[in-house]
Amino acid sequence: MISKESIQTLFKAQLDQIKDAKLAEKVVEAWLLGCEQGGWKTIEDLEKMPFTLITDTKGINFIEHTIAVTEGAIGLAKAQLQSYKEMPYKIDMDRLIAGGILHDVGKLLEIEKVDQVYQKSRNGNCIRHPISGTVLAAQVGIPQEILNIIACHSKEGDGRPKVIEAVLVHQADFALFDPLTLLKENKLIL
């Protein structure tokens, strides 16, 4: 069984940066709910799960991807905060970090492990992870602005109103996904 403590350990470095302790707790609750509803029993299964079924992940797993996207979004935010003389908008770091950790939480419902093979679940065939992740997060009381990050981090957000943190998480996510797609298509210049 996946425990609250195991989720806290996986994302400790990121959760520790969230100043609002109640928000950090809700992030962990959303992950626990996703693990429960998705039937995930062990952290090891999550650490072996590819972060996408669309392309070859070259061994990059779901947890590594979630951390990399979160840290990438933090880096993009810090680059602006440190480089711009005057910020044209406010970046809420708690919101950004929570959204980064939760951006793919719906994949706990979208992907399943059957006979040692990770595949798209029935839920995943019916509802893509930005939508199922938004529902999971809403069930534990995650604020609407963070729901916007989850809902809009992928193509579902194209042309939709977004909080600035959704833009940063989206950019970090695709900066980590697109090179693998290009590599698979033999279009990544090495």
N, C-alpha and C. Protein backbone atom coordinates (compact mmCIF):
# COMPACT_ATOMS: atom_id res chain seq x y z
N MET A 1 0.85 -1.20 0.00
CA MET A 1 0.00 0.00 0.00
C MET A 1 0.88 1.25 0.00
N ILE A 2 0.52 2.18 -0.81
CA ILE A 2 1.26 3.44 -0.88
C ILE A 2 0.76 4.36 0.23
N SER A 3 1.68 4.82 1.05
CA SER A 3 1.33 5.63 2.21
C SER A 3 1.58 7.12 1.97
N LYS A 4 1.00 7.91 2.83
CA LYS A 4 1.22 9.35 2.83
C LYS A 4 2.71 9.65 2.95
N GLU A 5 3.38 8.92 3.82
CA GLU A 5 4.81 9.13 4.05
C GLU A 5 5.63 8.82 2.80
N SER A 6 5.23 7.79 2.05
CA SER A 6 6.00 7.45 0.84
C SER A 6 5.85 8.53 -0.23
N ILE A 7 4.68 9.11 -0.35
CA ILE A 7 4.47 10.22 -1.30
C ILE A 7 5.27 11.44 -0.84
N GLN A 8 5.23 11.71 0.46
CA GLN A 8 6.00 12.84 1.00
C GLN A 8 7.50 12.66 0.76
N THR A 9 7.98 11.44 0.85
CA THR A 9 9.39 11.16 0.61
C THR A 9 9.75 11.33 -0.86
N LEU A 10 8.89 10.85 -1.76
CA LEU A 10 9.15 10.98 -3.20
C LEU A 10 9.35 12.43 -3.62
N PHE A 11 8.50 13.30 -3.10
CA PHE A 11 8.49 14.69 -3.53
C PHE A 11 8.96 15.65 -2.43
N LYS A 12 9.75 15.15 -1.50
CA LYS A 12 10.18 15.94 -0.34
C LYS A 12 10.81 17.27 -0.73
N ALA A 13 11.76 17.25 -1.65
CA ALA A 13 12.46 18.49 -2.03
C ALA A 13 11.50 19.53 -2.59
N GLN A 14 10.48 19.09 -3.32
CA GLN A 14 9.52 20.02 -3.90
C GLN A 14 8.48 20.43 -2.86
N LEU A 15 7.95 19.47 -2.12
CA LEU A 15 6.94 19.79 -1.10
C LEU A 15 7.49 20.74 -0.04
N ASP A 16 8.76 20.58 0.30
CA ASP A 16 9.39 21.46 1.30
C ASP A 16 9.45 22.91 0.85
N GLN A 17 9.33 23.15 -0.45
CA GLN A 17 9.36 24.53 -0.96
C GLN A 17 7.99 25.20 -0.92
N ILE A 18 6.95 24.42 -0.66
CA ILE A 18 5.60 24.99 -0.57
C ILE A 18 5.43 25.57 0.84
N LYS A 19 5.22 26.88 0.91
CA LYS A 19 5.12 27.55 2.22
C LYS A 19 3.80 27.24 2.94
N ASP A 20 2.74 27.04 2.18
CA ASP A 20 1.42 26.75 2.73
C ASP A 20 1.33 25.25 3.05
N ALA A 21 1.47 24.91 4.32
CA ALA A 21 1.49 23.50 4.75
C ALA A 21 0.19 22.78 4.38
N LYS A 22 -0.95 23.48 4.46
CA LYS A 22 -2.23 22.84 4.10
C LYS A 22 -2.27 22.50 2.62
N LEU A 23 -1.72 23.36 1.79
CA LEU A 23 -1.67 23.08 0.36
C LEU A 23 -0.77 21.87 0.09
N ALA A 24 0.38 21.82 0.73
CA ALA A 24 1.28 20.67 0.55
C ALA A 24 0.58 19.37 0.95
N GLU A 25 -0.20 19.41 2.01
CA GLU A 25 -0.97 18.23 2.46
C GLU A 25 -1.99 17.82 1.40
N LYS A 26 -2.67 18.80 0.81
CA LYS A 26 -3.67 18.50 -0.21
C LYS A 26 -3.02 17.89 -1.46
N VAL A 27 -1.81 18.33 -1.79
CA VAL A 27 -1.09 17.76 -2.93
C VAL A 27 -0.84 16.28 -2.67
N VAL A 28 -0.39 15.97 -1.47
CA VAL A 28 -0.15 14.57 -1.10
C VAL A 28 -1.46 13.78 -1.11
N GLU A 29 -2.53 14.37 -0.60
CA GLU A 29 -3.85 13.71 -0.61
C GLU A 29 -4.30 13.38 -2.03
N ALA A 30 -4.07 14.30 -2.96
CA ALA A 30 -4.47 14.06 -4.36
C ALA A 30 -3.69 12.87 -4.93
N TRP A 31 -2.40 12.81 -4.64
CA TRP A 31 -1.59 11.67 -5.09
C TRP A 31 -2.09 10.37 -4.46
N LEU A 32 -2.39 10.40 -3.18
CA LEU A 32 -2.90 9.19 -2.51
C LEU A 32 -4.22 8.74 -3.11
N LEU A 33 -5.10 9.68 -3.37
CA LEU A 33 -6.40 9.35 -3.97
C LEU A 33 -6.20 8.76 -5.37
N GLY A 34 -5.28 9.34 -6.13
CA GLY A 34 -4.99 8.80 -7.46
C GLY A 34 -4.44 7.39 -7.40
N CYS A 35 -3.54 7.15 -6.44
CA CYS A 35 -2.98 5.80 -6.27
C CYS A 35 -4.08 4.81 -5.89
N GLU A 36 -4.95 5.23 -5.00
CA GLU A 36 -6.06 4.37 -4.56
C GLU A 36 -7.01 4.07 -5.72
N GLN A 37 -7.46 5.11 -6.40
CA GLN A 37 -8.43 4.91 -7.49
C GLN A 37 -7.81 4.20 -8.68
N GLY A 38 -6.51 4.40 -8.89
CA GLY A 38 -5.83 3.75 -10.01
C GLY A 38 -5.35 2.34 -9.69
N GLY A 39 -5.47 1.94 -8.42
CA GLY A 39 -5.07 0.59 -8.03
C GLY A 39 -3.57 0.40 -7.86
N TRP A 40 -2.84 1.48 -7.65
CA TRP A 40 -1.38 1.39 -7.47
C TRP A 40 -1.08 0.95 -6.04
N LYS A 41 -0.25 -0.07 -5.91
CA LYS A 41 0.04 -0.67 -4.59
C LYS A 41 1.43 -0.35 -4.07
N THR A 42 2.41 -0.14 -4.99
CA THR A 42 3.78 0.06 -4.53
C THR A 42 4.43 1.27 -5.22
N ILE A 43 5.31 1.91 -4.49
CA ILE A 43 6.10 3.00 -5.04
C ILE A 43 6.98 2.47 -6.17
N GLU A 44 7.45 1.25 -6.02
CA GLU A 44 8.31 0.65 -7.06
C GLU A 44 7.61 0.60 -8.41
N ASP A 45 6.30 0.30 -8.40
CA ASP A 45 5.56 0.29 -9.66
C ASP A 45 5.50 1.69 -10.27
N LEU A 46 5.36 2.72 -9.44
CA LEU A 46 5.34 4.09 -9.94
C LEU A 46 6.72 4.49 -10.47
N GLU A 47 7.76 3.99 -9.82
CA GLU A 47 9.13 4.33 -10.23
C GLU A 47 9.54 3.59 -11.52
N LYS A 48 8.79 2.57 -11.89
CA LYS A 48 9.05 1.85 -13.14
C LYS A 48 8.11 2.31 -14.26
N MET A 49 7.05 2.99 -13.89
CA MET A 49 6.04 3.42 -14.86
C MET A 49 6.62 4.49 -15.79
N PRO A 50 6.50 4.28 -17.11
CA PRO A 50 6.95 5.34 -18.03
C PRO A 50 6.04 6.56 -17.86
N PHE A 51 6.61 7.74 -18.07
CA PHE A 51 5.79 8.94 -17.87
C PHE A 51 4.81 9.18 -19.02
N THR A 52 5.00 8.47 -20.13
CA THR A 52 4.06 8.56 -21.24
C THR A 52 4.08 7.23 -21.99
N LEU A 53 2.98 6.94 -22.66
CA LEU A 53 2.91 5.77 -23.52
C LEU A 53 2.99 6.17 -24.99
N ILE A 54 3.12 7.47 -25.24
CA ILE A 54 3.10 8.00 -26.60
C ILE A 54 4.42 7.79 -27.32
N THR A 55 5.53 7.82 -26.59
CA THR A 55 6.85 7.69 -27.19
C THR A 55 7.76 6.90 -26.26
N ASP A 56 8.90 6.48 -26.74
CA ASP A 56 9.89 5.78 -25.93
C ASP A 56 10.47 6.78 -24.94
N THR A 57 10.34 6.51 -23.66
CA THR A 57 10.82 7.43 -22.63
C THR A 57 12.29 7.23 -22.29
N LYS A 58 12.94 6.25 -22.93
CA LYS A 58 14.36 5.98 -22.69
C LYS A 58 14.64 5.76 -21.19
N GLY A 59 13.66 5.14 -20.53
CA GLY A 59 13.83 4.79 -19.12
C GLY A 59 13.45 5.88 -18.13
N ILE A 60 13.06 7.04 -18.62
CA ILE A 60 12.64 8.11 -17.70
C ILE A 60 11.27 7.75 -17.17
N ASN A 61 11.18 7.66 -15.85
CA ASN A 61 9.93 7.19 -15.27
C ASN A 61 9.01 8.35 -14.86
N PHE A 62 7.83 7.99 -14.44
CA PHE A 62 6.77 8.92 -14.07
C PHE A 62 7.20 9.87 -12.94
N ILE A 63 7.86 9.34 -11.93
CA ILE A 63 8.27 10.16 -10.79
C ILE A 63 9.38 11.12 -11.23
N GLU A 64 10.37 10.62 -11.95
CA GLU A 64 11.46 11.48 -12.43
C GLU A 64 10.91 12.61 -13.29
N HIS A 65 9.97 12.28 -14.16
CA HIS A 65 9.37 13.30 -15.03
C HIS A 65 8.63 14.35 -14.22
N THR A 66 7.86 13.91 -13.24
CA THR A 66 7.10 14.85 -12.41
C THR A 66 8.04 15.81 -11.69
N ILE A 67 9.12 15.28 -11.14
CA ILE A 67 10.09 16.12 -10.45
C ILE A 67 10.77 17.06 -11.44
N ALA A 68 11.18 16.55 -12.60
CA ALA A 68 11.87 17.38 -13.59
C ALA A 68 10.97 18.51 -14.10
N VAL A 69 9.70 18.23 -14.34
CA VAL A 69 8.78 19.27 -14.79
C VAL A 69 8.62 20.33 -13.69
N THR A 70 8.45 19.89 -12.46
CA THR A 70 8.31 20.83 -11.35
C THR A 70 9.55 21.71 -11.22
N GLU A 71 10.71 21.09 -11.23
CA GLU A 71 11.96 21.85 -11.11
C GLU A 71 12.19 22.74 -12.33
N GLY A 72 11.81 22.26 -13.51
CA GLY A 72 11.93 23.08 -14.71
C GLY A 72 11.06 24.32 -14.64
N ALA A 73 9.83 24.16 -14.17
CA ALA A 73 8.92 25.30 -14.03
C ALA A 73 9.46 26.28 -12.99
N ILE A 74 10.01 25.76 -11.90
CA ILE A 74 10.63 26.63 -10.89
C ILE A 74 11.78 27.42 -11.52
N GLY A 75 12.60 26.73 -12.33
CA GLY A 75 13.71 27.39 -13.00
C GLY A 75 13.25 28.50 -13.94
N LEU A 76 12.18 28.24 -14.69
CA LEU A 76 11.65 29.27 -15.58
C LEU A 76 11.14 30.48 -14.78
N ALA A 77 10.48 30.21 -13.69
CA ALA A 77 9.98 31.30 -12.84
C ALA A 77 11.14 32.11 -12.26
N LYS A 78 12.14 31.41 -11.72
CA LYS A 78 13.29 32.10 -11.13
C LYS A 78 14.05 32.91 -12.17
N ALA A 79 14.16 32.38 -13.38
CA ALA A 79 14.86 33.12 -14.45
C ALA A 79 14.18 34.48 -14.69
N GLN A 80 12.86 34.49 -14.71
CA GLN A 80 12.14 35.75 -14.90
C GLN A 80 12.30 36.65 -13.69
N LEU A 81 12.10 36.08 -12.50
CA LEU A 81 12.17 36.88 -11.28
C LEU A 81 13.54 37.51 -11.08
N GLN A 82 14.58 36.80 -11.49
CA GLN A 82 15.95 37.31 -11.32
C GLN A 82 16.40 38.19 -12.48
N SER A 83 15.78 38.06 -13.64
CA SER A 83 16.26 38.78 -14.82
C SER A 83 15.45 40.03 -15.17
N TYR A 84 14.15 40.00 -14.93
CA TYR A 84 13.32 41.13 -15.29
C TYR A 84 13.44 42.23 -14.24
N LYS A 85 13.65 43.46 -14.69
CA LYS A 85 13.72 44.58 -13.75
C LYS A 85 12.37 44.79 -13.09
N GLU A 86 11.33 44.58 -13.89
CA GLU A 86 9.97 44.75 -13.38
C GLU A 86 9.10 43.62 -13.91
N MET A 87 8.50 42.86 -13.02
CA MET A 87 7.66 41.73 -13.43
C MET A 87 6.31 42.25 -13.93
N PRO A 88 5.88 41.79 -15.10
CA PRO A 88 4.58 42.23 -15.63
C PRO A 88 3.40 41.47 -15.00
N TYR A 89 3.69 40.46 -14.18
CA TYR A 89 2.67 39.65 -13.50
C TYR A 89 3.33 39.03 -12.28
N LYS A 90 2.51 38.56 -11.37
CA LYS A 90 3.01 37.91 -10.16
C LYS A 90 3.04 36.40 -10.38
N ILE A 91 4.12 35.76 -9.96
CA ILE A 91 4.20 34.30 -10.00
C ILE A 91 4.07 33.80 -8.57
N ASP A 92 3.09 32.95 -8.35
CA ASP A 92 2.86 32.35 -7.03
C ASP A 92 3.61 31.02 -6.99
N MET A 93 4.72 30.99 -6.25
CA MET A 93 5.57 29.81 -6.23
C MET A 93 4.87 28.60 -5.60
N ASP A 94 4.06 28.79 -4.57
CA ASP A 94 3.32 27.67 -3.99
C ASP A 94 2.42 27.03 -5.04
N ARG A 95 1.71 27.89 -5.76
CA ARG A 95 0.81 27.42 -6.80
C ARG A 95 1.59 26.70 -7.89
N LEU A 96 2.72 27.27 -8.28
CA LEU A 96 3.56 26.69 -9.33
C LEU A 96 4.06 25.31 -8.94
N ILE A 97 4.58 25.18 -7.74
CA ILE A 97 5.15 23.91 -7.29
C ILE A 97 4.06 22.86 -7.12
N ALA A 98 2.95 23.24 -6.51
CA ALA A 98 1.84 22.30 -6.36
C ALA A 98 1.34 21.85 -7.73
N GLY A 99 1.21 22.80 -8.66
CA GLY A 99 0.76 22.45 -10.01
C GLY A 99 1.74 21.55 -10.74
N GLY A 100 3.02 21.77 -10.52
CA GLY A 100 4.02 20.91 -11.13
C GLY A 100 3.93 19.48 -10.61
N ILE A 101 3.81 19.34 -9.31
CA ILE A 101 3.71 18.00 -8.72
C ILE A 101 2.42 17.30 -9.18
N LEU A 102 1.38 18.08 -9.39
CA LEU A 102 0.07 17.50 -9.74
C LEU A 102 -0.22 17.46 -11.24
N HIS A 103 0.63 18.03 -12.08
CA HIS A 103 0.24 18.20 -13.48
C HIS A 103 -0.14 16.87 -14.14
N ASP A 104 0.53 15.78 -13.80
CA ASP A 104 0.24 14.47 -14.42
C ASP A 104 -0.41 13.48 -13.45
N VAL A 105 -0.95 13.95 -12.34
CA VAL A 105 -1.53 13.04 -11.35
C VAL A 105 -2.63 12.18 -11.96
N GLY A 106 -3.28 12.67 -12.99
CA GLY A 106 -4.31 11.89 -13.69
C GLY A 106 -3.77 10.66 -14.39
N LYS A 107 -2.47 10.60 -14.61
CA LYS A 107 -1.89 9.40 -15.23
C LYS A 107 -1.97 8.20 -14.29
N LEU A 108 -2.20 8.45 -13.02
CA LEU A 108 -2.43 7.34 -12.09
C LEU A 108 -3.71 6.60 -12.45
N LEU A 109 -4.60 7.27 -13.15
CA LEU A 109 -5.85 6.66 -13.64
C LEU A 109 -5.76 6.30 -15.12
N GLU A 110 -4.91 6.98 -15.86
CA GLU A 110 -4.81 6.80 -17.31
C GLU A 110 -3.97 5.58 -17.69
N ILE A 111 -3.01 5.23 -16.84
CA ILE A 111 -2.10 4.12 -17.12
C ILE A 111 -2.31 3.04 -16.07
N GLU A 112 -2.20 1.79 -16.49
CA GLU A 112 -2.29 0.66 -15.56
C GLU A 112 -1.18 -0.34 -15.87
N LYS A 113 -0.91 -1.19 -14.90
CA LYS A 113 0.09 -2.25 -15.09
C LYS A 113 -0.64 -3.58 -15.11
N VAL A 114 -0.51 -4.29 -16.23
CA VAL A 114 -1.15 -5.60 -16.39
C VAL A 114 -0.08 -6.58 -16.85
N ASP A 115 0.12 -7.65 -16.09
CA ASP A 115 1.13 -8.67 -16.43
C ASP A 115 2.48 -8.03 -16.72
N GLN A 116 2.90 -7.14 -15.83
CA GLN A 116 4.20 -6.45 -15.91
C GLN A 116 4.32 -5.49 -17.10
N VAL A 117 3.21 -5.19 -17.76
CA VAL A 117 3.22 -4.26 -18.88
C VAL A 117 2.38 -3.03 -18.53
N TYR A 118 2.94 -1.86 -18.76
CA TYR A 118 2.21 -0.61 -18.55
C TYR A 118 1.44 -0.30 -19.83
N GLN A 119 0.15 -0.03 -19.66
CA GLN A 119 -0.71 0.21 -20.82
C GLN A 119 -1.79 1.23 -20.45
N LYS A 120 -2.47 1.71 -21.46
CA LYS A 120 -3.56 2.65 -21.22
C LYS A 120 -4.72 1.89 -20.58
N SER A 121 -5.27 2.45 -19.54
CA SER A 121 -6.40 1.84 -18.84
C SER A 121 -7.71 2.19 -19.54
N ARG A 122 -8.78 1.55 -19.10
CA ARG A 122 -10.10 1.91 -19.63
C ARG A 122 -10.37 3.38 -19.33
N ASN A 123 -10.05 3.80 -18.11
CA ASN A 123 -10.23 5.20 -17.74
C ASN A 123 -9.45 6.10 -18.70
N GLY A 124 -8.21 5.69 -19.01
CA GLY A 124 -7.38 6.48 -19.92
C GLY A 124 -7.93 6.55 -21.32
N ASN A 125 -8.61 5.51 -21.75
CA ASN A 125 -9.25 5.52 -23.06
C ASN A 125 -10.47 6.44 -23.08
N CYS A 126 -11.08 6.61 -21.91
CA CYS A 126 -12.28 7.44 -21.81
C CYS A 126 -11.97 8.91 -21.51
N ILE A 127 -10.96 9.14 -20.66
CA ILE A 127 -10.67 10.49 -20.17
C ILE A 127 -9.17 10.70 -20.10
N ARG A 128 -8.65 11.73 -20.79
CA ARG A 128 -7.22 12.00 -20.72
C ARG A 128 -6.82 12.55 -19.34
N HIS A 129 -5.55 12.39 -19.03
CA HIS A 129 -5.05 12.72 -17.69
C HIS A 129 -5.22 14.18 -17.26
N PRO A 130 -5.20 15.18 -18.14
CA PRO A 130 -5.45 16.53 -17.63
C PRO A 130 -6.85 16.68 -17.01
N ILE A 131 -7.80 15.95 -17.56
CA ILE A 131 -9.17 16.02 -17.04
C ILE A 131 -9.31 15.18 -15.79
N SER A 132 -8.86 13.92 -15.84
CA SER A 132 -8.98 13.06 -14.65
C SER A 132 -8.14 13.60 -13.49
N GLY A 133 -6.98 14.20 -13.80
CA GLY A 133 -6.16 14.80 -12.75
C GLY A 133 -6.83 16.00 -12.11
N THR A 134 -7.51 16.79 -12.91
CA THR A 134 -8.24 17.94 -12.38
C THR A 134 -9.35 17.48 -11.44
N VAL A 135 -10.05 16.43 -11.83
CA VAL A 135 -11.12 15.88 -10.99
C VAL A 135 -10.55 15.35 -9.68
N LEU A 136 -9.45 14.59 -9.75
CA LEU A 136 -8.82 14.07 -8.52
C LEU A 136 -8.46 15.21 -7.58
N ALA A 137 -7.79 16.22 -8.12
CA ALA A 137 -7.34 17.34 -7.30
C ALA A 137 -8.52 18.11 -6.72
N ALA A 138 -9.58 18.27 -7.49
CA ALA A 138 -10.77 18.96 -6.99
C ALA A 138 -11.40 18.19 -5.83
N GLN A 139 -11.36 16.87 -5.90
CA GLN A 139 -11.96 16.04 -4.85
C GLN A 139 -11.32 16.26 -3.49
N VAL A 140 -10.05 16.67 -3.46
CA VAL A 140 -9.38 16.89 -2.17
C VAL A 140 -9.31 18.37 -1.80
N GLY A 141 -9.93 19.22 -2.62
CA GLY A 141 -10.00 20.65 -2.28
C GLY A 141 -8.86 21.51 -2.77
N ILE A 142 -8.18 21.08 -3.82
CA ILE A 142 -7.11 21.90 -4.41
C ILE A 142 -7.75 23.17 -5.00
N PRO A 143 -7.15 24.34 -4.80
CA PRO A 143 -7.72 25.59 -5.31
C PRO A 143 -7.84 25.62 -6.84
N GLN A 144 -8.82 26.39 -7.31
CA GLN A 144 -9.14 26.46 -8.74
C GLN A 144 -7.96 26.87 -9.61
N GLU A 145 -7.11 27.77 -9.13
CA GLU A 145 -5.97 28.21 -9.93
C GLU A 145 -5.01 27.05 -10.21
N ILE A 146 -4.89 26.14 -9.26
CA ILE A 146 -4.03 24.97 -9.46
C ILE A 146 -4.75 23.94 -10.34
N LEU A 147 -6.06 23.86 -10.22
CA LEU A 147 -6.83 23.01 -11.13
C LEU A 147 -6.62 23.49 -12.56
N ASN A 148 -6.51 24.81 -12.75
CA ASN A 148 -6.25 25.37 -14.07
C ASN A 148 -4.91 24.88 -14.61
N ILE A 149 -3.90 24.78 -13.76
CA ILE A 149 -2.59 24.28 -14.19
C ILE A 149 -2.71 22.85 -14.69
N ILE A 150 -3.38 22.01 -13.92
CA ILE A 150 -3.54 20.60 -14.28
C ILE A 150 -4.33 20.47 -15.58
N ALA A 151 -5.45 21.18 -15.65
CA ALA A 151 -6.33 21.08 -16.81
C ALA A 151 -5.71 21.63 -18.08
N CYS A 152 -4.85 22.64 -17.95
CA CYS A 152 -4.34 23.36 -19.13
C CYS A 152 -2.88 23.06 -19.46
N HIS A 153 -2.25 22.09 -18.79
CA HIS A 153 -0.83 21.87 -19.04
C HIS A 153 -0.54 21.18 -20.37
N SER A 154 -1.55 20.61 -21.00
CA SER A 154 -1.37 19.90 -22.26
C SER A 154 -2.31 20.51 -23.32
N LYS A 155 -2.57 19.75 -24.37
CA LYS A 155 -3.35 20.30 -25.48
C LYS A 155 -4.76 20.74 -25.08
N GLU A 156 -5.28 20.21 -24.00
CA GLU A 156 -6.60 20.63 -23.52
C GLU A 156 -6.62 22.11 -23.16
N GLY A 157 -5.47 22.67 -22.88
CA GLY A 157 -5.38 24.08 -22.52
C GLY A 157 -5.18 25.03 -23.69
N ASP A 158 -4.99 24.48 -24.89
CA ASP A 158 -4.76 25.33 -26.06
C ASP A 158 -5.88 26.35 -26.23
N GLY A 159 -5.53 27.62 -26.25
CA GLY A 159 -6.50 28.69 -26.47
C GLY A 159 -7.36 29.03 -25.26
N ARG A 160 -7.11 28.40 -24.13
CA ARG A 160 -7.91 28.63 -22.92
C ARG A 160 -7.24 29.67 -22.02
N PRO A 161 -8.02 30.37 -21.20
CA PRO A 161 -7.41 31.26 -20.21
C PRO A 161 -6.58 30.43 -19.22
N LYS A 162 -5.41 30.97 -18.84
CA LYS A 162 -4.50 30.23 -17.96
C LYS A 162 -3.90 31.16 -16.93
N VAL A 163 -3.63 30.60 -15.76
CA VAL A 163 -2.80 31.30 -14.79
C VAL A 163 -1.36 31.22 -15.31
N ILE A 164 -0.51 32.16 -14.93
CA ILE A 164 0.87 32.17 -15.41
C ILE A 164 1.59 30.87 -15.05
N GLU A 165 1.27 30.29 -13.92
CA GLU A 165 1.92 29.06 -13.51
C GLU A 165 1.60 27.90 -14.45
N ALA A 166 0.42 27.92 -15.07
CA ALA A 166 0.07 26.89 -16.06
C ALA A 166 0.96 27.02 -17.29
N VAL A 167 1.27 28.23 -17.68
CA VAL A 167 2.14 28.46 -18.83
C VAL A 167 3.53 27.89 -18.54
N LEU A 168 4.04 28.14 -17.33
CA LEU A 168 5.38 27.68 -16.98
C LEU A 168 5.45 26.16 -16.87
N VAL A 169 4.43 25.54 -16.27
CA VAL A 169 4.40 24.07 -16.17
C VAL A 169 4.28 23.47 -17.57
N HIS A 170 3.44 24.04 -18.41
CA HIS A 170 3.29 23.56 -19.79
C HIS A 170 4.63 23.59 -20.52
N GLN A 171 5.32 24.72 -20.43
CA GLN A 171 6.59 24.86 -21.14
C GLN A 171 7.63 23.86 -20.62
N ALA A 172 7.69 23.69 -19.30
CA ALA A 172 8.63 22.72 -18.72
C ALA A 172 8.28 21.31 -19.16
N ASP A 173 7.01 20.98 -19.18
CA ASP A 173 6.55 19.64 -19.57
C ASP A 173 6.96 19.33 -21.00
N PHE A 174 6.69 20.26 -21.91
CA PHE A 174 7.00 19.99 -23.31
C PHE A 174 8.50 20.09 -23.61
N ALA A 175 9.23 20.85 -22.82
CA ALA A 175 10.69 20.88 -22.98
C ALA A 175 11.29 19.52 -22.65
N LEU A 176 10.60 18.73 -21.83
CA LEU A 176 11.07 17.41 -21.45
C LEU A 176 10.47 16.29 -22.30
N PHE A 177 9.32 16.55 -22.90
CA PHE A 177 8.65 15.55 -23.75
C PHE A 177 9.11 15.63 -25.21
N ASP A 178 9.15 16.84 -25.76
CA ASP A 178 9.44 17.00 -27.18
C ASP A 178 10.77 16.41 -27.63
N PRO A 179 11.86 16.53 -26.88
CA PRO A 179 13.12 15.93 -27.34
C PRO A 179 13.03 14.41 -27.54
N LEU A 180 12.26 13.74 -26.70
CA LEU A 180 12.10 12.29 -26.85
C LEU A 180 11.31 11.95 -28.10
N THR A 181 10.31 12.75 -28.41
CA THR A 181 9.53 12.56 -29.63
C THR A 181 10.42 12.80 -30.86
N LEU A 182 11.19 13.86 -30.82
CA LEU A 182 12.11 14.14 -31.93
C LEU A 182 13.15 13.03 -32.08
N LEU A 183 13.64 12.52 -30.97
CA LEU A 183 14.61 11.43 -30.99
C LEU A 183 14.01 10.20 -31.65
N LYS A 184 12.78 9.87 -31.27
CA LYS A 184 12.09 8.70 -31.85
C LYS A 184 11.90 8.88 -33.35
N GLU A 185 11.62 10.10 -33.78
CA GLU A 185 11.38 10.37 -35.21
C GLU A 185 12.68 10.65 -35.96
N ASN A 186 13.80 10.48 -35.29
CA ASN A 186 15.13 10.74 -35.87
C ASN A 186 15.26 12.19 -36.36
N LYS A 187 14.64 13.10 -35.59
CA LYS A 187 14.67 14.53 -35.93
C LYS A 187 15.43 15.36 -34.91
N LEU A 188 15.94 14.72 -33.87
CA LEU A 188 16.72 15.44 -32.87
C LEU A 188 18.17 15.45 -33.33
N ILE A 189 18.69 16.64 -33.56
CA ILE A 189 20.07 16.76 -34.00
C ILE A 189 20.96 16.60 -32.79
N LEU A 190 21.81 15.59 -32.84
CA LEU A 190 22.68 15.29 -31.71
C LEU A 190 24.09 15.75 -31.97
